[in-house]
């Protein structure tokens, strides 16, 4: 054999094998529990962006006439923490019974709604009490009132134009007065 002939060949092959074993030993094998823990940590600390699918918890409320945005409380309205989901945000709620799944608009802010919670408006207080607290998945379709803060369309994603869109100005631009 080629390796068994000389001492320096044996030493070189042994050193290469030792380095290979040490480098493989130092590699972290990512098991499913480790990846799930990382995803949970990222998911709980990530701020919502249009298109994000996030874990929330849902409760229900039935009292109230006017929401924080000034519209009447009605079906299709949810209350959320304004730092997570500002008023005007549009969300798609999943993981609920079939009659409650769907698209909702954040039009209210509740005094006890903090963090990753949404409060779904229901006409019947008995239904709201039966609803309780449930884990849900929320897909953010639009964040706030800004129409440009929406989920990119297929064509925008296809042409990668979504990152080139500029945000709307925070205050209206003054109107130009024609010279007289």
Protein backbone atom coordinates (compact mmCIF):
# COMPACT_ATOMS: atom_id res chain seq x y z
CA UNK A 1 0.00 0.00 0.00
CA UNK A 2 1.02 3.56 -0.61
CA UNK A 3 0.29 4.78 2.94
CA UNK A 4 2.14 2.01 4.77
CA UNK A 5 5.49 2.76 3.09
CA UNK A 6 6.76 5.95 4.69
CA UNK A 7 6.39 7.56 8.09
CA UNK A 8 5.65 11.07 6.71
CA UNK A 9 2.78 9.66 4.62
CA UNK A 10 1.30 7.98 7.71
CA UNK A 11 1.66 11.18 9.73
CA UNK A 12 0.07 13.31 6.98
CA UNK A 13 -2.93 11.00 6.54
CA UNK A 14 -3.39 10.75 10.31
CA UNK A 15 -3.25 14.57 10.68
CA UNK A 16 -5.80 15.05 7.84
CA UNK A 17 -8.11 12.46 9.39
CA UNK A 18 -7.80 14.08 12.84
CA UNK A 19 -8.57 17.54 11.41
CA UNK A 20 -11.55 16.11 9.52
CA UNK A 21 -12.97 14.40 12.62
CA UNK A 22 -12.47 17.52 14.77
CA UNK A 23 -14.14 19.77 12.17
CA UNK A 24 -17.10 17.39 11.85
CA UNK A 25 -17.37 17.11 15.61
CA UNK A 26 -17.71 20.92 15.91
CA UNK A 27 -20.63 21.08 13.45
CA UNK A 28 -24.01 21.67 15.11
CA UNK A 29 -26.67 19.33 13.83
CA UNK A 30 -29.94 21.26 13.62
CA UNK A 31 -32.72 19.01 14.84
CA UNK A 32 -36.38 19.89 14.50
CA UNK A 33 -36.74 21.01 18.14
CA UNK A 34 -33.90 23.51 17.76
CA UNK A 35 -35.33 24.94 14.52
CA UNK A 36 -38.83 25.14 16.01
CA UNK A 37 -37.47 27.02 19.03
CA UNK A 38 -35.66 29.50 16.76
CA UNK A 39 -38.81 30.02 14.68
CA UNK A 40 -40.88 30.63 17.82
CA UNK A 41 -38.37 33.15 19.15
CA UNK A 42 -38.25 34.95 15.82
CA UNK A 43 -42.02 34.84 15.46
CA UNK A 44 -42.70 36.32 18.90
CA UNK A 45 -40.21 39.15 18.48
CA UNK A 46 -40.84 40.01 14.83
CA UNK A 47 -42.85 43.13 14.06
CA UNK A 48 -45.65 42.54 11.58
CA UNK A 49 -44.97 43.40 7.95
CA UNK A 50 -47.35 43.03 5.01
CA UNK A 51 -47.44 39.39 3.95
CA UNK A 52 -46.23 38.01 7.30
CA UNK A 53 -48.08 35.06 8.82
CA UNK A 54 -47.80 35.31 12.59
CA UNK A 55 -49.11 33.51 15.66
CA UNK A 56 -51.55 35.54 17.75
CA UNK A 57 -54.19 34.77 20.34
CA UNK A 58 -57.81 35.76 19.82
CA UNK A 59 -60.53 36.76 22.24
CA UNK A 60 -63.97 38.20 21.53
CA UNK A 61 -65.89 41.25 22.67
CA UNK A 62 -69.49 42.30 22.20
CA UNK A 63 -70.00 45.61 23.97
CA UNK A 64 -69.40 48.97 22.39
CA UNK A 65 -71.04 51.21 19.86
CA UNK A 66 -68.22 53.25 18.35
CA UNK A 67 -64.67 51.98 17.74
CA UNK A 68 -61.45 53.94 18.27
CA UNK A 69 -61.44 54.82 14.56
CA UNK A 70 -64.91 56.37 14.81
CA UNK A 71 -66.91 53.74 12.94
CA UNK A 72 -69.69 51.63 14.41
CA UNK A 73 -68.67 48.31 15.95
CA UNK A 74 -69.77 45.62 13.52
CA UNK A 75 -68.91 42.18 12.19
CA UNK A 76 -65.51 42.16 10.48
CA UNK A 77 -63.91 44.48 13.03
CA UNK A 78 -61.11 43.50 15.40
CA UNK A 79 -59.32 45.38 18.16
CA UNK A 80 -55.53 45.14 18.34
CA UNK A 81 -52.53 46.71 20.00
CA UNK A 82 -51.79 49.79 17.86
CA UNK A 83 -48.04 49.20 18.17
CA UNK A 84 -48.38 45.75 16.61
CA UNK A 85 -51.26 46.33 14.19
CA UNK A 86 -52.14 50.01 13.74
CA UNK A 87 -55.73 51.10 13.15
CA UNK A 88 -56.62 50.54 9.50
CA UNK A 89 -54.64 47.32 9.14
CA UNK A 90 -56.28 44.49 7.23
CA UNK A 91 -55.63 40.93 8.42
CA UNK A 92 -56.65 37.43 7.38
CA UNK A 93 -57.45 35.31 10.44
CA UNK A 94 -57.14 31.51 10.26
CA UNK A 95 -57.32 28.61 12.74
CA UNK A 96 -60.77 29.53 14.04
CA UNK A 97 -64.10 27.79 13.49
CA UNK A 98 -65.24 28.22 9.89
CA UNK A 99 -67.71 31.01 10.58
CA UNK A 100 -65.01 33.21 12.18
CA UNK A 101 -62.20 32.67 9.67
CA UNK A 102 -61.79 35.48 7.17
CA UNK A 103 -60.58 38.99 6.52
CA UNK A 104 -60.91 41.56 9.29
CA UNK A 105 -60.05 45.25 9.61
CA UNK A 106 -58.38 46.61 12.73
CA UNK A 107 -60.69 49.50 13.67
CA UNK A 108 -60.47 49.39 17.45
CA UNK A 109 -57.92 49.41 20.26
CA UNK A 110 -58.88 47.70 23.47
CA UNK A 111 -57.54 48.70 26.88
CA UNK A 112 -56.59 45.10 27.63
CA UNK A 113 -55.31 44.15 24.16
CA UNK A 114 -51.51 44.09 24.30
CA UNK A 115 -48.89 42.49 22.08
CA UNK A 116 -49.92 39.61 19.87
CA UNK A 117 -53.61 39.62 20.69
CA UNK A 118 -56.67 40.48 18.64
CA UNK A 119 -60.16 40.99 19.98
CA UNK A 120 -62.85 39.95 17.47
CA UNK A 121 -66.16 41.85 17.60
CA UNK A 122 -69.29 39.68 17.89
CA UNK A 123 -72.86 40.87 18.01
CA UNK A 124 -73.91 38.22 20.53
CA UNK A 125 -72.35 38.41 23.99
CA UNK A 126 -73.17 34.71 24.52
CA UNK A 127 -71.10 33.83 21.43
CA UNK A 128 -68.28 36.06 22.72
CA UNK A 129 -68.28 34.28 26.10
CA UNK A 130 -68.25 30.85 24.42
CA UNK A 131 -65.42 31.97 22.13
CA UNK A 132 -62.94 32.35 25.00
CA UNK A 133 -59.24 32.65 24.13
CA UNK A 134 -57.87 30.73 21.14
CA UNK A 135 -54.53 30.51 19.35
CA UNK A 136 -54.76 31.77 15.76
CA UNK A 137 -52.62 32.60 12.75
CA UNK A 138 -52.85 36.10 11.34
CA UNK A 139 -51.67 37.06 7.86
CA UNK A 140 -51.09 40.80 7.57
CA UNK A 141 -52.55 42.03 4.28
CA UNK A 142 -52.14 45.77 4.89
CA UNK A 143 -50.43 47.58 7.75
CA UNK A 144 -52.28 50.76 8.75
CA UNK A 145 -54.03 53.10 6.33
CA UNK A 146 -51.13 53.39 3.89
CA UNK A 147 -52.26 51.73 0.63
CA UNK A 148 -48.63 51.13 -0.34
CA UNK A 149 -48.02 49.08 2.82
CA UNK A 150 -49.83 46.09 1.37
CA UNK A 151 -48.79 42.62 0.42
CA UNK A 152 -46.94 42.86 -2.91
CA UNK A 153 -48.99 41.64 -5.84
CA UNK A 154 -47.86 38.81 -8.07
CA UNK A 155 -46.55 41.19 -10.73
CA UNK A 156 -44.72 43.31 -8.17
CA UNK A 157 -43.07 40.21 -6.75
CA UNK A 158 -42.33 38.95 -10.25
CA UNK A 159 -40.63 42.16 -11.31
CA UNK A 160 -39.27 42.84 -7.80
CA UNK A 161 -40.77 46.29 -7.80
CA UNK A 162 -42.06 46.06 -4.23
CA UNK A 163 -38.77 47.25 -2.75
CA UNK A 164 -38.69 50.31 -5.04
CA UNK A 165 -42.00 51.72 -3.87
CA UNK A 166 -41.61 54.88 -1.83
CA UNK A 167 -43.77 55.43 1.23
CA UNK A 168 -46.44 58.10 1.12
CA UNK A 169 -45.54 61.41 2.78
CA UNK A 170 -46.59 61.67 6.41
CA UNK A 171 -48.52 64.89 5.78
CA UNK A 172 -50.28 66.12 2.67
CA UNK A 173 -48.26 68.18 0.25
CA UNK A 174 -49.35 71.81 -0.09
CA UNK A 175 -51.46 72.59 -3.12
CA UNK A 176 -49.87 74.78 -5.71
CA UNK A 177 -51.71 78.08 -6.05
CA UNK A 178 -51.75 79.27 -9.65
CA UNK A 179 -50.32 82.77 -10.12
CA UNK A 180 -52.97 85.39 -10.77
